Protein backbone atom coordinates (compact mmCIF):
# COMPACT_ATOMS: atom_id res chain seq x y z
CA UNK A 1 5.28 50.85 -14.62
CA UNK A 2 7.47 48.37 -12.74
CA UNK A 3 4.41 46.56 -11.33
CA UNK A 4 3.03 46.06 -14.84
CA UNK A 5 6.27 44.39 -15.98
CA UNK A 6 6.28 42.11 -12.94
CA UNK A 7 2.67 41.09 -13.59
CA UNK A 8 3.49 40.27 -17.23
CA UNK A 9 6.54 38.27 -16.15
CA UNK A 10 4.35 36.26 -13.78
CA UNK A 11 1.87 35.51 -16.58
CA UNK A 12 4.68 34.31 -18.88
CA UNK A 13 6.28 31.99 -16.32
CA UNK A 14 5.68 28.31 -16.87
CA UNK A 15 4.09 26.55 -13.92
CA UNK A 16 5.83 23.18 -13.72
CA UNK A 17 3.16 21.67 -11.46
CA UNK A 18 0.34 19.70 -13.01
CA UNK A 19 -2.96 21.62 -12.94
CA UNK A 20 -4.88 18.40 -12.19
CA UNK A 21 -2.91 16.63 -9.45
CA UNK A 22 -0.29 19.27 -8.49
CA UNK A 23 2.50 16.76 -9.24
CA UNK A 24 5.88 17.99 -10.45
CA UNK A 25 6.70 14.93 -12.55
CA UNK A 26 9.95 14.24 -10.68
CA UNK A 27 10.51 10.67 -9.53
CA UNK A 28 11.15 10.61 -5.81
CA UNK A 29 9.30 13.88 -5.21
CA UNK A 30 5.74 13.38 -6.40
CA UNK A 31 4.67 9.74 -6.56
CA UNK A 32 2.76 8.57 -9.64
CA UNK A 33 -0.02 7.39 -7.33
CA UNK A 34 -1.35 10.97 -7.20
CA UNK A 35 -1.82 11.08 -10.97
CA UNK A 36 -5.42 11.29 -12.20
CA UNK A 37 -4.50 10.22 -15.78
CA UNK A 38 -6.34 13.25 -17.10
CA UNK A 39 -6.04 14.54 -20.68
CA UNK A 40 -5.19 17.90 -19.09
CA UNK A 41 -2.37 16.51 -16.94
CA UNK A 42 1.25 17.46 -17.54
CA UNK A 43 3.00 14.23 -16.56
CA UNK A 44 0.38 11.51 -17.00
CA UNK A 45 2.36 9.52 -19.58
CA UNK A 46 5.52 9.73 -17.47
CA UNK A 47 3.64 8.56 -14.39
CA UNK A 48 1.89 5.78 -16.35
CA UNK A 49 5.23 4.55 -17.72
CA UNK A 50 6.66 4.52 -14.20
CA UNK A 51 3.69 2.54 -12.88
CA UNK A 52 4.01 0.03 -15.74
CA UNK A 53 7.71 -0.40 -14.98
CA UNK A 54 7.09 -0.90 -11.26
CA UNK A 55 4.31 -3.40 -12.02
CA UNK A 56 6.63 -5.44 -14.23
CA UNK A 57 9.37 -5.28 -11.59
CA UNK A 58 6.91 -6.38 -8.91
CA UNK A 59 5.86 -9.42 -10.94
CA UNK A 60 9.48 -10.37 -11.64
CA UNK A 61 10.61 -9.97 -8.03
CA UNK A 62 7.52 -11.73 -6.68
CA UNK A 63 8.49 -14.85 -8.62
CA UNK A 64 11.86 -14.90 -6.79
CA UNK A 65 10.28 -14.97 -3.31
CA UNK A 66 10.13 -18.39 -1.68
CA UNK A 67 6.51 -19.41 -1.12
CA UNK A 68 6.77 -21.22 2.20
CA UNK A 69 3.73 -21.00 4.46
CA UNK A 70 5.04 -18.18 6.68
CA UNK A 71 6.18 -16.04 3.77
CA UNK A 72 2.92 -16.66 1.92
CA UNK A 73 0.97 -15.52 4.98
CA UNK A 74 2.99 -12.29 5.16
CA UNK A 75 2.54 -11.69 1.43
CA UNK A 76 -1.21 -12.21 1.77
CA UNK A 77 -1.34 -9.67 4.61
CA UNK A 78 0.57 -7.11 2.55
CA UNK A 79 -1.65 -7.77 -0.45
CA UNK A 80 -4.85 -7.31 1.60
CA UNK A 81 -3.58 -4.12 3.22
CA UNK A 82 -2.70 -2.57 -0.15
CA UNK A 83 -5.87 -3.85 -1.82
CA UNK A 84 -7.96 -2.26 0.91
CA UNK A 85 -5.98 0.98 0.62
CA UNK A 86 -6.65 1.31 -3.11
CA UNK A 87 -10.07 -0.32 -3.62
CA UNK A 88 -11.93 -0.28 -0.29
CA UNK A 89 -11.09 3.10 1.29
CA UNK A 90 -12.29 5.20 -1.68
């Protein structure tokens, strides 16, 4: 009888991990980059909001960076590396 109760308890427990990407929705633990933006995801809107915020912050901070030749070269290298990571290596 005890095993039956334990099995029912397991069925009633809420799994906090997303069934699509296995993310937990906690900033600093599971990055929003793993999100698949699926209708079945648990934290897609939270992750999307975080990505929008970071994008806006990036644009604001980027405008503060001096654009001398050396800095521009480094920025271009970083941009290419990240572009390739997201768009080329798929």
